[in-house]
Protein backbone atom coordinates (compact mmCIF):
# COMPACT_ATOMS: atom_id res chain seq x y z
CA UNK A 1 12.92 -19.42 17.75
CA UNK A 2 13.86 -15.74 17.98
CA UNK A 3 11.45 -13.28 16.32
CA UNK A 4 12.52 -9.66 15.80
CA UNK A 5 9.62 -7.27 15.13
CA UNK A 6 10.30 -3.81 13.72
CA UNK A 7 9.53 -0.81 15.94
CA UNK A 8 8.37 1.27 12.96
CA UNK A 9 5.88 -1.39 11.84
CA UNK A 10 2.34 -0.52 10.65
CA UNK A 11 0.34 2.56 9.64
CA UNK A 12 2.20 5.79 9.01
CA UNK A 13 0.64 9.13 10.01
CA UNK A 14 -0.87 9.87 6.57
CA UNK A 15 -2.47 6.45 6.18
CA UNK A 16 -3.79 6.38 9.76
CA UNK A 17 -5.34 9.82 9.27
CA UNK A 18 -7.02 8.76 6.01
CA UNK A 19 -8.32 5.40 7.25
CA UNK A 20 -9.62 6.65 10.61
CA UNK A 21 -11.17 9.68 8.93
CA UNK A 22 -12.92 7.58 6.30
CA UNK A 23 -14.20 5.14 8.94
CA UNK A 24 -15.68 7.99 10.96
CA UNK A 25 -17.32 9.65 7.97
CA UNK A 26 -18.92 6.44 6.69
CA UNK A 27 -20.13 5.55 10.19
CA UNK A 28 -21.87 8.88 10.73
CA UNK A 29 -23.25 9.51 7.24
CA UNK A 30 -26.79 8.85 6.06
CA UNK A 31 -25.81 9.39 2.42
CA UNK A 32 -23.40 7.45 0.17
CA UNK A 33 -19.72 8.29 0.59
CA UNK A 34 -17.38 7.76 -2.35
CA UNK A 35 -13.61 7.36 -2.51
CA UNK A 36 -11.64 8.26 -5.63
CA UNK A 37 -9.26 5.34 -6.19
CA UNK A 38 -7.91 3.09 -3.43
CA UNK A 39 -7.77 5.00 -0.16
CA UNK A 40 -4.58 3.10 0.72
CA UNK A 41 -2.75 0.20 -0.94
CA UNK A 42 -3.98 -2.64 1.24
CA UNK A 43 -6.77 -5.06 0.26
CA UNK A 44 -7.64 -5.90 3.87
CA UNK A 45 -8.29 -2.25 4.70
CA UNK A 46 -10.25 -1.66 1.50
CA UNK A 47 -12.50 -4.69 2.09
CA UNK A 48 -13.24 -3.48 5.61
CA UNK A 49 -14.14 0.02 4.40
CA UNK A 50 -16.27 -1.35 1.56
CA UNK A 51 -18.18 -3.60 3.99
CA UNK A 52 -18.99 -0.49 6.03
CA UNK A 53 -20.46 1.26 2.98
CA UNK A 54 -17.62 3.20 1.35
CA UNK A 55 -18.03 3.19 -2.45
CA UNK A 56 -14.84 3.16 -4.52
CA UNK A 57 -14.82 4.87 -7.92
CA UNK A 58 -12.21 5.14 -10.68
CA UNK A 59 -12.86 8.74 -11.78
CA UNK A 60 -14.52 11.81 -10.32
CA UNK A 61 -17.38 11.73 -12.86
CA UNK A 62 -18.69 8.53 -11.23
CA UNK A 63 -19.31 10.35 -7.96
CA UNK A 64 -22.87 11.12 -6.90
CA UNK A 65 -22.07 12.71 -3.58
CA UNK A 66 -19.35 13.43 -1.03
CA UNK A 67 -16.01 12.07 -2.23
CA UNK A 68 -12.88 11.23 -0.27
CA UNK A 69 -9.47 12.03 -1.73
CA UNK A 70 -7.00 9.27 -0.90
CA UNK A 71 -3.75 9.58 1.04
CA UNK A 72 -1.65 9.54 -2.16
CA UNK A 73 -3.37 12.61 -3.56
CA UNK A 74 -4.89 13.29 -6.99
CA UNK A 75 -4.17 15.52 -10.01
CA UNK A 76 -5.24 19.14 -9.54
CA UNK A 77 -7.80 18.75 -12.34
CA UNK A 78 -9.92 16.68 -9.93
CA UNK A 79 -10.37 19.72 -7.68
CA UNK A 80 -11.33 21.85 -10.67
CA UNK A 81 -13.92 19.30 -11.86
CA UNK A 82 -15.36 19.01 -8.34
CA UNK A 83 -15.91 22.79 -8.23
CA UNK A 84 -17.54 22.78 -11.67
CA UNK A 85 -19.86 19.85 -10.85
CA UNK A 86 -20.64 20.77 -7.26
CA UNK A 87 -19.08 17.64 -5.76
CA UNK A 88 -17.95 18.06 -2.16
CA UNK A 89 -14.44 16.69 -1.61
CA UNK A 90 -13.14 15.38 1.71
CA UNK A 91 -9.39 15.66 1.29
CA UNK A 92 -7.22 13.10 3.10
CA UNK A 93 -4.15 13.64 0.96
CA UNK A 94 -1.10 13.14 3.18
CA UNK A 95 0.29 16.55 4.29
CA UNK A 96 3.75 15.44 3.11
CA UNK A 97 2.37 14.90 -0.40
CA UNK A 98 0.60 18.27 -0.38
CA UNK A 99 3.90 19.87 0.60
CA UNK A 100 5.56 18.34 -2.47
CA UNK A 101 2.74 19.69 -4.67
CA UNK A 102 3.44 23.19 -3.33
CA UNK A 103 7.20 22.85 -3.83
CA UNK A 104 7.10 21.65 -7.45
CA UNK A 105 4.45 24.21 -8.38
CA UNK A 106 6.52 27.03 -6.87
CA UNK A 107 9.73 25.97 -8.64
CA UNK A 108 7.93 25.36 -11.95
CA UNK A 109 6.57 28.90 -11.77
CA UNK A 110 10.14 30.12 -11.29
CA UNK A 111 11.22 28.37 -14.49
CA UNK A 112 12.91 25.31 -13.00
CA UNK A 113 12.96 21.99 -14.86
CA UNK A 114 11.59 19.35 -12.47
CA UNK A 115 13.37 16.00 -12.04
CA UNK A 116 10.90 13.85 -10.10
CA UNK A 117 12.19 10.59 -8.61
CA UNK A 118 9.50 7.93 -8.27
CA UNK A 119 7.40 5.22 -9.89
CA UNK A 120 5.60 6.48 -13.00
CA UNK A 121 2.42 4.50 -12.36
CA UNK A 122 2.14 5.39 -8.67
CA UNK A 123 -0.87 7.62 -7.87
CA UNK A 124 1.31 10.01 -5.86
CA UNK A 125 3.52 10.66 -8.87
CA UNK A 126 0.52 11.00 -11.20
CA UNK A 127 -0.95 13.61 -8.87
CA UNK A 128 2.35 15.47 -8.41
CA UNK A 129 2.98 15.67 -12.16
CA UNK A 130 -0.07 17.89 -12.57
CA UNK A 131 1.68 20.58 -10.49
CA UNK A 132 5.01 20.43 -12.35
CA UNK A 133 4.14 22.21 -15.59
CA UNK A 134 5.46 20.99 -18.93
CA UNK A 135 9.15 20.77 -18.05
CA UNK A 136 9.32 17.59 -15.97
CA UNK A 137 10.85 14.12 -16.13
CA UNK A 138 10.07 11.16 -13.88
CA UNK A 139 13.17 9.15 -12.96
CA UNK A 140 12.89 5.59 -11.62
CA UNK A 141 16.45 4.28 -12.00
CA UNK A 142 20.07 4.97 -12.95
CA UNK A 143 19.51 4.59 -16.69
CA UNK A 144 16.70 7.14 -16.66
CA UNK A 145 18.87 9.50 -14.60
CA UNK A 146 21.53 9.45 -17.33
CA UNK A 147 18.89 10.00 -20.03
CA UNK A 148 17.53 12.93 -18.05
CA UNK A 149 20.98 14.54 -18.03
CA UNK A 150 21.16 14.17 -21.84
CA UNK A 151 17.76 15.83 -22.24
CA UNK A 152 18.74 18.68 -19.91
CA UNK A 153 21.87 19.29 -22.02
CA UNK A 154 19.96 19.24 -25.33
CA UNK A 155 17.35 21.68 -24.05
CA UNK A 156 20.00 24.03 -22.61
CA UNK A 157 18.24 24.06 -19.26
CA UNK A 158 19.93 26.35 -16.74
CA UNK A 159 18.17 25.37 -13.50
CA UNK A 160 16.67 22.13 -12.14
CA UNK A 161 14.84 20.87 -9.09
CA UNK A 162 15.51 17.29 -7.98
CA UNK A 163 12.72 15.98 -5.74
CA UNK A 164 11.25 12.61 -4.83
CA UNK A 165 8.11 10.60 -4.10
CA UNK A 166 7.49 10.25 -0.35
CA UNK A 167 7.75 6.43 -0.45
CA UNK A 168 10.66 6.12 -2.87
CA UNK A 169 13.68 3.99 -2.01
CA UNK A 170 16.20 6.06 -0.05
CA UNK A 171 19.08 4.05 -1.55
CA UNK A 172 17.81 4.60 -5.11
CA UNK A 173 17.36 8.31 -4.49
CA UNK A 174 20.97 8.67 -3.29
CA UNK A 175 22.22 6.82 -6.40
CA UNK A 176 20.12 8.98 -8.74
CA UNK A 177 21.17 12.15 -6.91
CA UNK A 178 24.85 11.22 -7.27
CA UNK A 179 24.46 10.66 -11.03
CA UNK A 180 22.60 13.94 -11.51
CA UNK A 181 25.12 15.91 -9.43
CA UNK A 182 28.14 14.39 -11.20
CA UNK A 183 26.83 14.40 -14.77
CA UNK A 184 24.90 17.65 -15.05
CA UNK A 185 26.75 20.49 -16.82
CA UNK A 186 28.42 22.78 -14.29
CA UNK A 187 26.44 25.79 -15.50
CA UNK A 188 23.13 24.17 -14.45
CA UNK A 189 21.90 25.36 -11.06
CA UNK A 190 20.60 22.33 -9.18
CA UNK A 191 18.31 22.42 -6.12
CA UNK A 192 17.99 19.08 -4.29
CA UNK A 193 15.14 18.18 -1.98
CA UNK A 194 14.93 14.79 -0.29
CA UNK A 195 11.18 14.61 0.30
CA UNK A 196 11.09 10.93 1.25
CA UNK A 197 8.86 10.71 4.32
CA UNK A 198 10.87 10.36 7.53
CA UNK A 199 8.72 7.39 8.55
CA UNK A 200 9.51 5.70 5.23
CA UNK A 201 13.21 6.44 5.68
CA UNK A 202 13.32 5.04 9.23
CA UNK A 203 11.32 1.98 8.20
CA UNK A 204 13.69 1.21 5.32
CA UNK A 205 16.75 1.60 7.54
CA UNK A 206 15.27 -0.63 10.25
CA UNK A 207 14.32 -3.26 7.67
CA UNK A 208 17.95 -3.37 6.51
CA UNK A 209 19.20 -3.72 10.09
CA UNK A 210 16.81 -6.58 10.89
CA UNK A 211 17.39 -8.39 7.56
CA UNK A 212 21.13 -8.51 8.29
CA UNK A 213 20.48 -10.28 11.62
CA UNK A 214 17.95 -12.97 10.68
CA UNK A 215 17.69 -16.11 8.55
CA UNK A 216 14.12 -15.47 7.37
CA UNK A 217 12.32 -12.19 6.73
CA UNK A 218 8.55 -11.64 6.67
CA UNK A 219 7.22 -8.44 5.08
CA UNK A 220 3.52 -7.75 5.68
CA UNK A 221 1.63 -5.51 3.29
CA UNK A 222 -0.41 -5.01 0.14
CA UNK A 223 0.89 -6.53 -3.10
CA UNK A 224 0.45 -3.19 -4.88
CA UNK A 225 1.93 -1.06 -2.09
CA UNK A 226 5.01 0.86 -3.22
CA UNK A 227 6.55 1.16 0.23
CA UNK A 228 5.92 -2.54 0.98
CA UNK A 229 7.70 -3.51 -2.24
CA UNK A 230 10.66 -1.36 -1.19
CA UNK A 231 10.86 -3.18 2.15
CA UNK A 232 10.81 -6.53 0.35
CA UNK A 233 13.58 -5.38 -2.03
CA UNK A 234 15.73 -4.26 0.91
CA UNK A 235 15.10 -7.52 2.78
CA UNK A 236 16.01 -9.62 -0.26
CA UNK A 237 19.30 -7.77 -0.57
CA UNK A 238 20.42 -8.64 2.97
CA UNK A 239 18.55 -11.87 3.75
CA UNK A 240 18.49 -14.96 1.52
CA UNK A 241 14.98 -16.04 2.57
CA UNK A 242 12.19 -13.47 2.30
CA UNK A 243 8.44 -13.47 1.81
CA UNK A 244 5.81 -10.77 1.33
CA UNK A 245 2.33 -11.62 2.64
CA UNK A 246 -0.94 -9.79 3.28
CA UNK A 247 -2.46 -11.94 6.03
CA UNK A 248 -1.90 -14.99 8.25
CA UNK A 249 -3.43 -17.40 5.68
CA UNK A 250 -0.35 -16.82 3.51
CA UNK A 251 2.11 -17.63 6.30
CA UNK A 252 4.21 -20.71 5.31
CA UNK A 253 4.46 -22.36 8.72
CA UNK A 254 6.38 -25.46 7.60
CA UNK A 255 8.90 -23.35 5.68
CA UNK A 256 9.49 -21.12 8.71
CA UNK A 257 10.23 -24.12 10.93
CA UNK A 258 13.59 -24.49 9.15
CA UNK A 259 14.92 -21.24 10.64
CA UNK A 260 15.93 -20.07 14.10
CA UNK A 261 15.77 -16.28 13.63
CA UNK A 262 12.81 -14.49 12.00
CA UNK A 263 12.39 -10.81 11.19
CA UNK A 264 9.00 -9.11 10.75
CA UNK A 265 8.31 -5.73 9.14
CA UNK A 266 5.18 -4.18 7.65
CA UNK A 267 4.38 -1.48 5.11
CA UNK A 268 2.85 1.89 5.94
CA UNK A 269 -0.60 0.77 4.77
CA UNK A 270 -0.69 -2.45 6.81
CA UNK A 271 -3.36 -2.46 9.57
CA UNK A 272 -2.59 -3.55 13.13
CA UNK A 273 -5.13 -6.36 12.79
CA UNK A 274 -3.15 -8.09 10.01
CA UNK A 275 0.14 -7.62 11.87
CA UNK A 276 -1.22 -8.89 15.19
CA UNK A 277 -2.85 -11.96 13.61
CA UNK A 278 0.44 -12.94 11.98
CA UNK A 279 2.42 -12.38 15.19
CA UNK A 280 -0.12 -14.44 17.14
CA UNK A 281 0.13 -17.20 14.57
CA UNK A 282 3.93 -17.25 14.93
CA UNK A 283 3.58 -17.30 18.72
CA UNK A 284 1.09 -20.19 18.64
CA UNK A 285 3.18 -22.33 16.30
CA UNK A 286 6.62 -21.64 17.74
């Protein structure tokens, strides 16, 4: 059996920074440390952090001490509440996400209508929206891109910023960008910014390349991870047999025996431990 493992597999810079930072803080603290929301979208990582003492909370008012801001970022109101209540924040928002916050805030202040590509329920988008002002639309697909153009026309908007979530599908962004560019009235000044993280972009491209070469594709990552879902979608497009798993216990050994070429990729929130255990399991069985 031939197993092809992606070179861009595992933690991205932002996730690694957040996880290692949280581990260090919890290890060296004598007081409770809280984390607002899931630090990263991976159950294995969260369980490990929780076992070491990190306390996860759903809103800032539940905090009773130092509070970590997750890699995806939070709405700006959280910072304001922390100042008012005297809560010390330890900010591990990914620098790429913070950069997007600065960009949308700057363009909103200049009167631009913000067209934000991403998943409406994703914490990164929820956080970014708080910096966009009132004139903003979140676009997830082609249909919403066309509706956005209609709204822009009705409101007589004269300038727009098109920007995207760091972990959004590169292919979807290009499709949405093409619709916006072709359908917007010619008098509307459009500024485009592809803010998909380079690591995400490379990972998606490599996933496509591997999926085209193999008979079976294994994607490792959290079930609620946006970037992991994107990798699975890409794999499914180019490989007829795909699976998304979180750990080695979910590996369908008997099913895999049917195939001669296997591809393995992992999301940006997937720890080395999970990846290595699955690769070892494949090595032991084949």
